[in-house]
Amino acid sequence: ERSRSTARVTHAKLLDVGFRIVQQSNDKGDIRNGQGYVSRHEYNKQLPQLREIEHDIWLRDHLLKGFDWAPRTNEDLLLHRNVTVFEKLPQEEQIYYDVMARSTYEWLEQQGYALVRA
């Protein structure tokens, strides 16, 4: 079920930036040659928004669990330094979300999927 949840969230966040996941090839040939295909360059233009979406997913989960902000994280007390808006995150955390957002495109390609404009 966790895998299904991850897939649903990935699909939803890509739809949020105007992209839809499709199989790379279909009866009519390779989708990457067709109109509407999203190149890596076009995908990378959406990275700032995708990074923020990634953090928002994490933030909502932690807020629903009762976490609050604190300068030092203490999970036993439900305190976490990253319970804040993306712009206020420490740089190392922003980089983490950047890596997550960048890796989605490559992972989809490796699995035989492509992105098209929704």
PDB file of N, CA and C in Angstrom:
ATOM      1  N   GLU A   1       0.826  -1.203   0.000  1.00  0.00           N
ATOM      2  CA  GLU A   1       0.000   0.000   0.000  1.00  0.00           C
ATOM      3  C   GLU A   1       0.862   1.257   0.000  1.00  0.00           C
ATOM      4  N   ARG A   2       2.024   1.204   0.665  1.00  0.00           N
ATOM      5  CA  ARG A   2       2.913   2.371   0.662  1.00  0.00           C
ATOM      6  C   ARG A   2       3.386   2.697  -0.749  1.00  0.00           C
ATOM      7  N   SER A   3       3.657   1.667  -1.560  1.00  0.00           N
ATOM      8  CA  SER A   3       4.075   1.893  -2.945  1.00  0.00           C
ATOM      9  C   SER A   3       2.959   2.551  -3.740  1.00  0.00           C
ATOM     10  N   ARG A   4       1.733   2.091  -3.520  1.00  0.00           N
ATOM     11  CA  ARG A   4       0.597   2.693  -4.219  1.00  0.00           C
ATOM     12  C   ARG A   4       0.422   4.155  -3.809  1.00  0.00           C
ATOM     13  N   SER A   5       0.584   4.414  -2.534  1.00  0.00           N
ATOM     14  CA  SER A   5       0.448   5.779  -2.037  1.00  0.00           C
ATOM     15  C   SER A   5       1.504   6.678  -2.671  1.00  0.00           C
ATOM     16  N   THR A   6       2.740   6.210  -2.744  1.00  0.00           N
ATOM     17  CA  THR A   6       3.817   6.978  -3.361  1.00  0.00           C
ATOM     18  C   THR A   6       3.502   7.255  -4.824  1.00  0.00           C
ATOM     19  N   ALA A   7       2.993   6.252  -5.527  1.00  0.00           N
ATOM     20  CA  ALA A   7       2.639   6.429  -6.936  1.00  0.00           C
ATOM     21  C   ALA A   7       1.530   7.461  -7.095  1.00  0.00           C
ATOM     22  N   ARG A   8       0.532   7.400  -6.238  1.00  0.00           N
ATOM     23  CA  ARG A   8      -0.574   8.370  -6.319  1.00  0.00           C
ATOM     24  C   ARG A   8      -0.086   9.795  -6.060  1.00  0.00           C
ATOM     25  N   VAL A   9       0.767   9.939  -5.074  1.00  0.00           N
ATOM     26  CA  VAL A   9       1.289  11.264  -4.735  1.00  0.00           C
ATOM     27  C   VAL A   9       2.161  11.784  -5.875  1.00  0.00           C
ATOM     28  N   THR A  10       2.988  10.926  -6.459  1.00  0.00           N
ATOM     29  CA  THR A  10       3.830  11.341  -7.585  1.00  0.00           C
ATOM     30  C   THR A  10       2.961  11.810  -8.734  1.00  0.00           C
ATOM     31  N   HIS A  11       1.929  11.045  -9.040  1.00  0.00           N
ATOM     32  CA  HIS A  11       1.007  11.415 -10.120  1.00  0.00           C
ATOM     33  C   HIS A  11       0.350  12.767  -9.812  1.00  0.00           C
ATOM     34  N   ALA A  12      -0.102  12.958  -8.598  1.00  0.00           N
ATOM     35  CA  ALA A  12      -0.790  14.193  -8.211  1.00  0.00           C
ATOM     36  C   ALA A  12       0.131  15.409  -8.283  1.00  0.00           C
ATOM     37  N   LYS A  13       1.363  15.275  -7.806  1.00  0.00           N
ATOM     38  CA  LYS A  13       2.253  16.444  -7.824  1.00  0.00           C
ATOM     39  C   LYS A  13       2.663  16.806  -9.248  1.00  0.00           C
ATOM     40  N   LEU A  14       2.787  15.815 -10.124  1.00  0.00           N
ATOM     41  CA  LEU A  14       3.103  16.113 -11.519  1.00  0.00           C
ATOM     42  C   LEU A  14       1.912  16.770 -12.220  1.00  0.00           C
ATOM     43  N   LEU A  15       0.713  16.322 -11.906  1.00  0.00           N
ATOM     44  CA  LEU A  15      -0.480  16.974 -12.455  1.00  0.00           C
ATOM     45  C   LEU A  15      -0.562  18.420 -11.987  1.00  0.00           C
ATOM     46  N   ASP A  16      -0.121  18.661 -10.769  1.00  0.00           N
ATOM     47  CA  ASP A  16      -0.149  20.006 -10.203  1.00  0.00           C
ATOM     48  C   ASP A  16       0.695  20.991 -11.014  1.00  0.00           C
ATOM     49  N   VAL A  17       1.749  20.511 -11.675  1.00  0.00           N
ATOM     50  CA  VAL A  17       2.590  21.378 -12.511  1.00  0.00           C
ATOM     51  C   VAL A  17       2.273  21.213 -13.995  1.00  0.00           C
ATOM     52  N   GLY A  18       1.191  20.479 -14.308  1.00  0.00           N
ATOM     53  CA  GLY A  18       0.734  20.379 -15.694  1.00  0.00           C
ATOM     54  C   GLY A  18       1.277  19.210 -16.494  1.00  0.00           C
ATOM     55  N   PHE A  19       1.786  18.181 -15.815  1.00  0.00           N
ATOM     56  CA  PHE A  19       2.335  17.018 -16.498  1.00  0.00           C
ATOM     57  C   PHE A  19       1.523  15.772 -16.175  1.00  0.00           C
ATOM     58  N   ARG A  20       1.466  14.869 -17.149  1.00  0.00           N
ATOM     59  CA  ARG A  20       0.769  13.592 -16.981  1.00  0.00           C
ATOM     60  C   ARG A  20       1.745  12.477 -17.315  1.00  0.00           C
ATOM     61  N   ILE A  21       1.662  11.361 -16.597  1.00  0.00           N
ATOM     62  CA  ILE A  21       2.536  10.209 -16.810  1.00  0.00           C
ATOM     63  C   ILE A  21       1.892   9.277 -17.829  1.00  0.00           C
ATOM     64  N   VAL A  22       2.676   8.859 -18.838  1.00  0.00           N
ATOM     65  CA  VAL A  22       2.214   7.901 -19.847  1.00  0.00           C
ATOM     66  C   VAL A  22       3.322   6.889 -20.110  1.00  0.00           C
ATOM     67  N   GLN A  23       2.970   5.759 -20.698  1.00  0.00           N
ATOM     68  CA  GLN A  23       3.996   4.802 -21.107  1.00  0.00           C
ATOM     69  C   GLN A  23       4.780   5.399 -22.264  1.00  0.00           C
ATOM     70  N   GLN A  24       6.091   5.135 -22.305  1.00  0.00           N
ATOM     71  CA  GLN A  24       6.934   5.734 -23.337  1.00  0.00           C
ATOM     72  C   GLN A  24       6.527   5.296 -24.739  1.00  0.00           C
ATOM     73  N   SER A  25       6.104   4.061 -24.900  1.00  0.00           N
ATOM     74  CA  SER A  25       5.682   3.632 -26.226  1.00  0.00           C
ATOM     75  C   SER A  25       4.297   3.025 -26.139  1.00  0.00           C
ATOM     76  N   ASN A  26       3.569   3.177 -27.222  1.00  0.00           N
ATOM     77  CA  ASN A  26       2.224   2.619 -27.311  1.00  0.00           C
ATOM     78  C   ASN A  26       2.046   2.003 -28.694  1.00  0.00           C
ATOM     79  N   ASP A  27       0.833   1.695 -29.081  1.00  0.00           N
ATOM     80  CA  ASP A  27       0.567   1.078 -30.378  1.00  0.00           C
ATOM     81  C   ASP A  27       1.090   1.920 -31.538  1.00  0.00           C
ATOM     82  N   LYS A  28       1.133   3.220 -31.354  1.00  0.00           N
ATOM     83  CA  LYS A  28       1.498   4.140 -32.434  1.00  0.00           C
ATOM     84  C   LYS A  28       2.982   4.490 -32.427  1.00  0.00           C
ATOM     85  N   GLY A  29       3.769   3.927 -31.546  1.00  0.00           N
ATOM     86  CA  GLY A  29       5.200   4.195 -31.515  1.00  0.00           C
ATOM     87  C   GLY A  29       5.642   4.861 -30.234  1.00  0.00           C
ATOM     88  N   ASP A  30       6.837   5.393 -30.281  1.00  0.00           N
ATOM     89  CA  ASP A  30       7.458   6.010 -29.114  1.00  0.00           C
ATOM     90  C   ASP A  30       6.821   7.366 -28.843  1.00  0.00           C
ATOM     91  N   ILE A  31       6.262   7.530 -27.658  1.00  0.00           N
ATOM     92  CA  ILE A  31       5.567   8.767 -27.269  1.00  0.00           C
ATOM     93  C   ILE A  31       6.524   9.960 -27.255  1.00  0.00           C
ATOM     94  N   ARG A  32       7.829   9.700 -27.066  1.00  0.00           N
ATOM     95  CA  ARG A  32       8.795  10.798 -26.988  1.00  0.00           C
ATOM     96  C   ARG A  32       8.930  11.546 -28.310  1.00  0.00           C
ATOM     97  N   ASN A  33       8.475  10.957 -29.395  1.00  0.00           N
ATOM     98  CA  ASN A  33       8.519  11.641 -30.688  1.00  0.00           C
ATOM     99  C   ASN A  33       7.256  12.452 -30.944  1.00  0.00           C
ATOM    100  N   GLY A  34       6.288  12.344 -30.073  1.00  0.00           N
ATOM    101  CA  GLY A  34       4.995  12.979 -30.296  1.00  0.00           C
ATOM    102  C   GLY A  34       4.885  14.368 -29.711  1.00  0.00           C
ATOM    103  N   GLN A  35       3.826  15.022 -30.087  1.00  0.00           N
ATOM    104  CA  GLN A  35       3.544  16.358 -29.590  1.00  0.00           C
ATOM    105  C   GLN A  35       3.109  16.264 -28.124  1.00  0.00           C
ATOM    106  N   GLY A  36       3.548  17.203 -27.337  1.00  0.00           N
ATOM    107  CA  GLY A  36       3.170  17.221 -25.938  1.00  0.00           C
ATOM    108  C   GLY A  36       4.175  16.563 -25.013  1.00  0.00           C
ATOM    109  N   TYR A  37       5.192  15.895 -25.569  1.00  0.00           N
ATOM    110  CA  TYR A  37       6.215  15.245 -24.746  1.00  0.00           C
ATOM    111  C   TYR A  37       6.979  16.304 -23.942  1.00  0.00           C
ATOM    112  N   VAL A  38       7.232  16.019 -22.677  1.00  0.00           N
ATOM    113  CA  VAL A  38       7.952  16.936 -21.790  1.00  0.00           C
ATOM    114  C   VAL A  38       9.416  16.508 -21.732  1.00  0.00           C
ATOM    115  N   SER A  39      10.287  17.369 -22.243  1.00  0.00           N
ATOM    116  CA  SER A  39      11.721  17.086 -22.211  1.00  0.00           C
ATOM    117  C   SER A  39      12.270  17.299 -20.807  1.00  0.00           C
ATOM    118  N   ARG A  40      13.470  16.802 -20.580  1.00  0.00           N
ATOM    119  CA  ARG A  40      14.132  17.019 -19.280  1.00  0.00           C
ATOM    120  C   ARG A  40      14.293  18.524 -19.025  1.00  0.00           C
ATOM    121  N   HIS A  41      14.627  19.275 -20.060  1.00  0.00           N
ATOM    122  CA  HIS A  41      14.793  20.720 -19.931  1.00  0.00           C
ATOM    123  C   HIS A  41      13.487  21.384 -19.471  1.00  0.00           C
ATOM    124  N   GLU A  42      12.382  21.014 -20.087  1.00  0.00           N
ATOM    125  CA  GLU A  42      11.084  21.574 -19.696  1.00  0.00           C
ATOM    126  C   GLU A  42      10.722  21.158 -18.269  1.00  0.00           C
ATOM    127  N   TYR A  43      11.006  19.899 -17.935  1.00  0.00           N
ATOM    128  CA  TYR A  43      10.750  19.405 -16.566  1.00  0.00           C
ATOM    129  C   TYR A  43      11.550  20.219 -15.558  1.00  0.00           C
ATOM    130  N   ASN A  44      12.823  20.465 -15.873  1.00  0.00           N
ATOM    131  CA  ASN A  44      13.697  21.180 -14.936  1.00  0.00           C
ATOM    132  C   ASN A  44      13.216  22.602 -14.655  1.00  0.00           C
ATOM    133  N   LYS A  45      12.473  23.196 -15.570  1.00  0.00           N
ATOM    134  CA  LYS A  45      11.922  24.530 -15.331  1.00  0.00           C
ATOM    135  C   LYS A  45      10.902  24.508 -14.192  1.00  0.00           C
ATOM    136  N   GLN A  46      10.331  23.343 -13.914  1.00  0.00           N
ATOM    137  CA  GLN A  46       9.323  23.209 -12.858  1.00  0.00           C
ATOM    138  C   GLN A  46       9.927  22.791 -11.515  1.00  0.00           C
ATOM    139  N   LEU A  47      11.243  22.617 -11.460  1.00  0.00           N
ATOM    140  CA  LEU A  47      11.874  22.141 -10.225  1.00  0.00           C
ATOM    141  C   LEU A  47      11.582  23.003  -8.996  1.00  0.00           C
ATOM    142  N   PRO A  48      11.604  24.335  -9.093  1.00  0.00           N
ATOM    143  CA  PRO A  48      11.292  25.115  -7.885  1.00  0.00           C
ATOM    144  C   PRO A  48       9.916  24.771  -7.317  1.00  0.00           C
ATOM    145  N   GLN A  49       8.934  24.643  -8.172  1.00  0.00           N
ATOM    146  CA  GLN A  49       7.587  24.316  -7.699  1.00  0.00           C
ATOM    147  C   GLN A  49       7.523  22.882  -7.188  1.00  0.00           C
ATOM    148  N   LEU A  50       8.193  21.961  -7.864  1.00  0.00           N
ATOM    149  CA  LEU A  50       8.185  20.555  -7.434  1.00  0.00           C
ATOM    150  C   LEU A  50       8.873  20.384  -6.081  1.00  0.00           C
ATOM    151  N   ARG A  51       9.933  21.129  -5.849  1.00  0.00           N
ATOM    152  CA  ARG A  51      10.612  21.067  -4.543  1.00  0.00           C
ATOM    153  C   ARG A  51       9.662  21.506  -3.430  1.00  0.00           C
ATOM    154  N   GLU A  52       8.942  22.584  -3.674  1.00  0.00           N
ATOM    155  CA  GLU A  52       8.006  23.075  -2.660  1.00  0.00           C
ATOM    156  C   GLU A  52       6.865  22.093  -2.436  1.00  0.00           C
ATOM    157  N   ILE A  53       6.399  21.459  -3.493  1.00  0.00           N
ATOM    158  CA  ILE A  53       5.344  20.449  -3.353  1.00  0.00           C
ATOM    159  C   ILE A  53       5.845  19.290  -2.500  1.00  0.00           C
ATOM    160  N   GLU A  54       7.083  18.847  -2.751  1.00  0.00           N
ATOM    161  CA  GLU A  54       7.673  17.757  -1.954  1.00  0.00           C
ATOM    162  C   GLU A  54       7.670  18.128  -0.473  1.00  0.00           C
ATOM    163  N   HIS A  55       8.104  19.347  -0.164  1.00  0.00           N
ATOM    164  CA  HIS A  55       8.142  19.767   1.240  1.00  0.00           C
ATOM    165  C   HIS A  55       6.731  19.878   1.814  1.00  0.00           C
ATOM    166  N   ASP A  56       5.794  20.403   1.030  1.00  0.00           N
ATOM    167  CA  ASP A  56       4.409  20.529   1.505  1.00  0.00           C
ATOM    168  C   ASP A  56       3.823  19.172   1.875  1.00  0.00           C
ATOM    169  N   ILE A  57       4.148  18.135   1.108  1.00  0.00           N
ATOM    170  CA  ILE A  57       3.675  16.779   1.417  1.00  0.00           C
ATOM    171  C   ILE A  57       4.218  16.350   2.777  1.00  0.00           C
ATOM    172  N   TRP A  58       5.521  16.551   2.978  1.00  0.00           N
ATOM    173  CA  TRP A  58       6.143  16.199   4.256  1.00  0.00           C
ATOM    174  C   TRP A  58       5.531  17.024   5.388  1.00  0.00           C
ATOM    175  N   LEU A  59       5.380  18.326   5.153  1.00  0.00           N
ATOM    176  CA  LEU A  59       4.876  19.233   6.181  1.00  0.00           C
ATOM    177  C   LEU A  59       3.454  18.866   6.601  1.00  0.00           C
ATOM    178  N   ARG A  60       2.584  18.616   5.645  1.00  0.00           N
ATOM    179  CA  ARG A  60       1.204  18.236   5.974  1.00  0.00           C
ATOM    180  C   ARG A  60       1.170  16.966   6.819  1.00  0.00           C
ATOM    181  N   ASP A  61       1.983  15.992   6.445  1.00  0.00           N
ATOM    182  CA  ASP A  61       2.034  14.740   7.198  1.00  0.00           C
ATOM    183  C   ASP A  61       2.438  15.005   8.643  1.00  0.00           C
ATOM    184  N   HIS A  62       3.450  15.813   8.839  1.00  0.00           N
ATOM    185  CA  HIS A  62       3.916  16.080  10.194  1.00  0.00           C
ATOM    186  C   HIS A  62       2.929  16.938  10.992  1.00  0.00           C
ATOM    187  N   LEU A  63       2.290  17.898  10.339  1.00  0.00           N
ATOM    188  CA  LEU A  63       1.288  18.696  11.044  1.00  0.00           C
ATOM    189  C   LEU A  63       0.099  17.843  11.468  1.00  0.00           C
ATOM    190  N   LEU A  64      -0.307  16.912  10.613  1.00  0.00           N
ATOM    191  CA  LEU A  64      -1.413  16.011  10.968  1.00  0.00           C
ATOM    192  C   LEU A  64      -1.051  15.111  12.147  1.00  0.00           C
ATOM    193  N   LYS A  65       0.232  14.812  12.289  1.00  0.00           N
ATOM    194  CA  LYS A  65       0.690  13.991  13.416  1.00  0.00           C
ATOM    195  C   LYS A  65       0.864  14.816  14.682  1.00  0.00           C
ATOM    196  N   GLY A  66       0.709  16.150  14.583  1.00  0.00           N
ATOM    197  CA  GLY A  66       0.789  17.008  15.765  1.00  0.00           C
ATOM    198  C   GLY A  66       2.117  17.702  15.970  1.00  0.00           C
ATOM    199  N   PHE A  67       2.997  17.668  14.992  1.00  0.00           N
ATOM    200  CA  PHE A  67       4.302  18.316  15.146  1.00  0.00           C
ATOM    201  C   PHE A  67       4.169  19.828  15.155  1.00  0.00           C
ATOM    202  N   ASP A  68       5.129  20.461  15.818  1.00  0.00           N
ATOM    203  CA  ASP A  68       5.222  21.912  15.858  1.00  0.00           C
ATOM    204  C   ASP A  68       6.679  22.278  15.609  1.00  0.00           C
ATOM    205  N   TRP A  69       6.914  23.573  15.299  1.00  0.00           N
ATOM    206  CA  TRP A  69       8.270  24.031  15.038  1.00  0.00           C
ATOM    207  C   TRP A  69       9.040  24.212  16.334  1.00  0.00           C
ATOM    208  N   ALA A  70      10.335  23.918  16.246  1.00  0.00           N
ATOM    209  CA  ALA A  70      11.277  24.201  17.335  1.00  0.00           C
ATOM    210  C   ALA A  70      12.658  24.352  16.704  1.00  0.00           C
ATOM    211  N   PRO A  71      13.549  25.095  17.332  1.00  0.00           N
ATOM    212  CA  PRO A  71      14.883  25.274  16.747  1.00  0.00           C
ATOM    213  C   PRO A  71      15.687  23.970  16.693  1.00  0.00           C
ATOM    214  N   ARG A  72      15.331  23.032  17.564  1.00  0.00           N
ATOM    215  CA  ARG A  72      15.991  21.713  17.558  1.00  0.00           C
ATOM    216  C   ARG A  72      14.911  20.645  17.469  1.00  0.00           C
ATOM    217  N   THR A  73      15.159  19.654  16.638  1.00  0.00           N
ATOM    218  CA  THR A  73      14.197  18.576  16.455  1.00  0.00           C
ATOM    219  C   THR A  73      14.213  17.632  17.655  1.00  0.00           C
ATOM    220  N   ASN A  74      13.013  17.301  18.139  1.00  0.00           N
ATOM    221  CA  ASN A  74      12.833  16.288  19.167  1.00  0.00           C
ATOM    222  C   ASN A  74      11.553  15.545  18.809  1.00  0.00           C
ATOM    223  N   GLU A  75      11.728  14.423  18.125  1.00  0.00           N
ATOM    224  CA  GLU A  75      10.568  13.681  17.614  1.00  0.00           C
ATOM    225  C   GLU A  75       9.679  13.154  18.743  1.00  0.00           C
ATOM    226  N   ASP A  76      10.257  12.834  19.908  1.00  0.00           N
ATOM    227  CA  ASP A  76       9.455  12.362  21.045  1.00  0.00           C
ATOM    228  C   ASP A  76       8.480  13.435  21.531  1.00  0.00           C
ATOM    229  N   LEU A  77       8.898  14.699  21.430  1.00  0.00           N
ATOM    230  CA  LEU A  77       8.047  15.809  21.850  1.00  0.00           C
ATOM    231  C   LEU A  77       7.264  16.409  20.675  1.00  0.00           C
ATOM    232  N   LEU A  78       7.366  15.777  19.519  1.00  0.00           N
ATOM    233  CA  LEU A  78       6.695  16.234  18.292  1.00  0.00           C
ATOM    234  C   LEU A  78       7.126  17.646  17.903  1.00  0.00           C
ATOM    235  N   LEU A  79       8.421  17.878  17.987  1.00  0.00           N
ATOM    236  CA  LEU A  79       9.007  19.154  17.598  1.00  0.00           C
ATOM    237  C   LEU A  79      10.000  18.906  16.464  1.00  0.00           C
ATOM    238  N   HIS A  80       9.956  19.771  15.456  1.00  0.00           N
ATOM    239  CA  HIS A  80      10.855  19.583  14.316  1.00  0.00           C
ATOM    240  C   HIS A  80      11.223  20.932  13.731  1.00  0.00           C
ATOM    241  N   ARG A  81      12.495  21.108  13.418  1.00  0.00           N
ATOM    242  CA  ARG A  81      12.973  22.391  12.885  1.00  0.00           C
ATOM    243  C   ARG A  81      12.506  22.653  11.461  1.00  0.00           C
ATOM    244  N   ASN A  82      11.997  21.620  10.765  1.00  0.00           N
ATOM    245  CA  ASN A  82      11.556  21.800   9.386  1.00  0.00           C
ATOM    246  C   ASN A  82      10.061  22.042   9.246  1.00  0.00           C
ATOM    247  N   VAL A  83       9.374  22.227  10.359  1.00  0.00           N
ATOM    248  CA  VAL A  83       7.946  22.552  10.305  1.00  0.00           C
ATOM    249  C   VAL A  83       7.847  24.054  10.043  1.00  0.00           C
ATOM    250  N   THR A  84       8.042  24.402   8.790  1.00  0.00           N
ATOM    251  CA  THR A  84       8.040  25.788   8.345  1.00  0.00           C
ATOM    252  C   THR A  84       7.846  25.825   6.841  1.00  0.00           C
ATOM    253  N   VAL A  85       7.693  27.004   6.286  1.00  0.00           N
ATOM    254  CA  VAL A  85       7.563  27.129   4.837  1.00  0.00           C
ATOM    255  C   VAL A  85       8.899  26.794   4.183  1.00  0.00           C
ATOM    256  N   PHE A  86       8.847  26.395   2.932  1.00  0.00           N
ATOM    257  CA  PHE A  86      10.040  25.937   2.210  1.00  0.00           C
ATOM    258  C   PHE A  86      11.175  26.968   2.255  1.00  0.00           C
ATOM    259  N   GLU A  87      10.852  28.230   2.047  1.00  0.00           N
ATOM    260  CA  GLU A  87      11.872  29.276   1.970  1.00  0.00           C
ATOM    261  C   GLU A  87      12.675  29.418   3.261  1.00  0.00           C
ATOM    262  N   LYS A  88      12.106  29.008   4.382  1.00  0.00           N
ATOM    263  CA  LYS A  88      12.791  29.135   5.665  1.00  0.00           C
ATOM    264  C   LYS A  88      13.545  27.868   6.073  1.00  0.00           C
ATOM    265  N   LEU A  89      13.507  26.858   5.224  1.00  0.00           N
ATOM    266  CA  LEU A  89      14.235  25.621   5.533  1.00  0.00           C
ATOM    267  C   LEU A  89      15.732  25.861   5.474  1.00  0.00           C
ATOM    268  N   PRO A  90      16.496  25.119   6.269  1.00  0.00           N
ATOM    269  CA  PRO A  90      17.952  25.181   6.130  1.00  0.00           C
ATOM    270  C   PRO A  90      18.357  24.744   4.714  1.00  0.00           C
ATOM    271  N   GLN A  91      19.441  25.291   4.216  1.00  0.00           N
ATOM    272  CA  GLN A  91      19.898  25.022   2.845  1.00  0.00           C
ATOM    273  C   GLN A  91      20.055  23.529   2.566  1.00  0.00           C
ATOM    274  N   GLU A  92      20.592  22.781   3.530  1.00  0.00           N
ATOM    275  CA  GLU A  92      20.790  21.341   3.299  1.00  0.00           C
ATOM    276  C   GLU A  92      19.468  20.607   3.096  1.00  0.00           C
ATOM    277  N   GLU A  93      18.410  21.088   3.714  1.00  0.00           N
ATOM    278  CA  GLU A  93      17.088  20.480   3.516  1.00  0.00           C
ATOM    279  C   GLU A  93      16.527  20.854   2.146  1.00  0.00           C
ATOM    280  N   GLN A  94      16.749  22.077   1.716  1.00  0.00           N
ATOM    281  CA  GLN A  94      16.293  22.480   0.392  1.00  0.00           C
ATOM    282  C   GLN A  94      16.985  21.637  -0.686  1.00  0.00           C
ATOM    283  N   ILE A  95      18.245  21.356  -0.486  1.00  0.00           N
ATOM    284  CA  ILE A  95      18.990  20.522  -1.439  1.00  0.00           C
ATOM    285  C   ILE A  95      18.395  19.116  -1.482  1.00  0.00           C
ATOM    286  N   TYR A  96      18.007  18.583  -0.344  1.00  0.00           N
ATOM    287  CA  TYR A  96      17.377  17.262  -0.279  1.00  0.00           C
ATOM    288  C   TYR A  96      16.125  17.219  -1.156  1.00  0.00           C
ATOM    289  N   TYR A  97      15.279  18.240  -1.053  1.00  0.00           N
ATOM    290  CA  TYR A  97      14.068  18.274  -1.865  1.00  0.00           C
ATOM    291  C   TYR A  97      14.391  18.459  -3.344  1.00  0.00           C
ATOM    292  N   ASP A  98      15.469  19.166  -3.631  1.00  0.00           N
ATOM    293  CA  ASP A  98      15.911  19.334  -5.010  1.00  0.00           C
ATOM    294  C   ASP A  98      16.302  17.984  -5.612  1.00  0.00           C
ATOM    295  N   VAL A  99      17.044  17.193  -4.862  1.00  0.00           N
ATOM    296  CA  VAL A  99      17.453  15.861  -5.334  1.00  0.00           C
ATOM    297  C   VAL A  99      16.226  14.983  -5.576  1.00  0.00           C
ATOM    298  N   MET A 100      15.265  15.025  -4.670  1.00  0.00           N
ATOM    299  CA  MET A 100      14.046  14.230  -4.837  1.00  0.00           C
ATOM    300  C   MET A 100      13.298  14.644  -6.103  1.00  0.00           C
ATOM    301  N   ALA A 101      13.143  15.940  -6.295  1.00  0.00           N
ATOM    302  CA  ALA A 101      12.396  16.428  -7.459  1.00  0.00           C
ATOM    303  C   ALA A 101      13.121  16.097  -8.761  1.00  0.00           C
ATOM    304  N   ARG A 102      14.435  16.259  -8.782  1.00  0.00           N
ATOM    305  CA  ARG A 102      15.215  15.958  -9.993  1.00  0.00           C
ATOM    306  C   ARG A 102      15.177  14.476 -10.356  1.00  0.00           C
ATOM    307  N   SER A 103      15.172  13.622  -9.367  1.00  0.00           N
ATOM    308  CA  SER A 103      15.262  12.184  -9.632  1.00  0.00           C
ATOM    309  C   SER A 103      13.977  11.594 -10.220  1.00  0.00           C
ATOM    310  N   THR A 104      12.855  12.259 -10.065  1.00  0.00           N
ATOM    311  CA  THR A 104      11.584  11.721 -10.550  1.00  0.00           C
ATOM    312  C   THR A 104      11.600  11.510 -12.054  1.00  0.00           C
ATOM    313  N   TYR A 105      12.087  12.467 -12.810  1.00  0.00           N
ATOM    314  CA  TYR A 105      12.102  12.376 -14.279  1.00  0.00           C
ATOM    315  C   TYR A 105      12.910  11.157 -14.731  1.00  0.00           C
ATOM    316  N   GLU A 106      14.109  11.039 -14.211  1.00  0.00           N
ATOM    317  CA  GLU A 106      14.986   9.923 -14.589  1.00  0.00           C
ATOM    318  C   GLU A 106      14.380   8.578 -14.187  1.00  0.00           C
ATOM    319  N   TRP A 107      13.804   8.512 -12.995  1.00  0.00           N
ATOM    320  CA  TRP A 107      13.211   7.262 -12.520  1.00  0.00           C
ATOM    321  C   TRP A 107      12.060   6.838 -13.428  1.00  0.00           C
ATOM    322  N   LEU A 108      11.213   7.784 -13.816  1.00  0.00           N
ATOM    323  CA  LEU A 108      10.096   7.455 -14.707  1.00  0.00           C
ATOM    324  C   LEU A 108      10.605   6.914 -16.038  1.00  0.00           C
ATOM    325  N   GLU A 109      11.641   7.559 -16.596  1.00  0.00           N
ATOM    326  CA  GLU A 109      12.225   7.084 -17.856  1.00  0.00           C
ATOM    327  C   GLU A 109      12.753   5.657 -17.718  1.00  0.00           C
ATOM    328  N   GLN A 110      13.446   5.381 -16.616  1.00  0.00           N
ATOM    329  CA  GLN A 110      14.000   4.043 -16.389  1.00  0.00           C
ATOM    330  C   GLN A 110      12.913   2.990 -16.279  1.00  0.00           C
ATOM    331  N   GLN A 111      11.746   3.382 -15.810  1.00  0.00           N
ATOM    332  CA  GLN A 111      10.630   2.442 -15.651  1.00  0.00           C
ATOM    333  C   GLN A 111       9.772   2.326 -16.909  1.00  0.00           C
ATOM    334  N   GLY A 112      10.134   3.052 -17.968  1.00  0.00           N
ATOM    335  CA  GLY A 112       9.391   2.974 -19.218  1.00  0.00           C
ATOM    336  C   GLY A 112       8.259   3.970 -19.349  1.00  0.00           C
ATOM    337  N   TYR A 113       8.321   5.065 -18.596  1.00  0.00           N
ATOM    338  CA  TYR A 113       7.283   6.091 -18.646  1.00  0.00           C
ATOM    339  C   TYR A 113       7.860   7.406 -19.140  1.00  0.00           C
ATOM    340  N   ALA A 114       6.992   8.264 -19.583  1.00  0.00           N
ATOM    341  CA  ALA A 114       7.368   9.609 -20.041  1.00  0.00           C
ATOM    342  C   ALA A 114       6.338  10.576 -19.493  1.00  0.00           C
ATOM    343  N   LEU A 115       6.649  11.844 -19.615  1.00  0.00           N
ATOM    344  CA  LEU A 115       5.715  12.901 -19.221  1.00  0.00           C
ATOM    345  C   LEU A 115       5.215  13.622 -20.446  1.00  0.00           C
ATOM    346  N   VAL A 116       3.934  13.926 -20.446  1.00  0.00           N
ATOM    347  CA  VAL A 116       3.327  14.759 -21.488  1.00  0.00           C
ATOM    348  C   VAL A 116       2.590  15.891 -20.803  1.00  0.00           C
ATOM    349  N   ARG A 117       2.339  16.945 -21.542  1.00  0.00           N
ATOM    350  CA  ARG A 117       1.575  18.061 -20.974  1.00  0.00           C
ATOM    351  C   ARG A 117       0.145  17.622 -20.754  1.00  0.00           C
ATOM    352  N   ALA A 118      -0.372  17.943 -19.584  1.00  0.00           N
ATOM    353  CA  ALA A 118      -1.737  17.520 -19.228  1.00  0.00           C
ATOM    354  C   ALA A 118      -2.771  18.388 -19.938  1.00  0.00           C
TER     355      ALA A 118
END
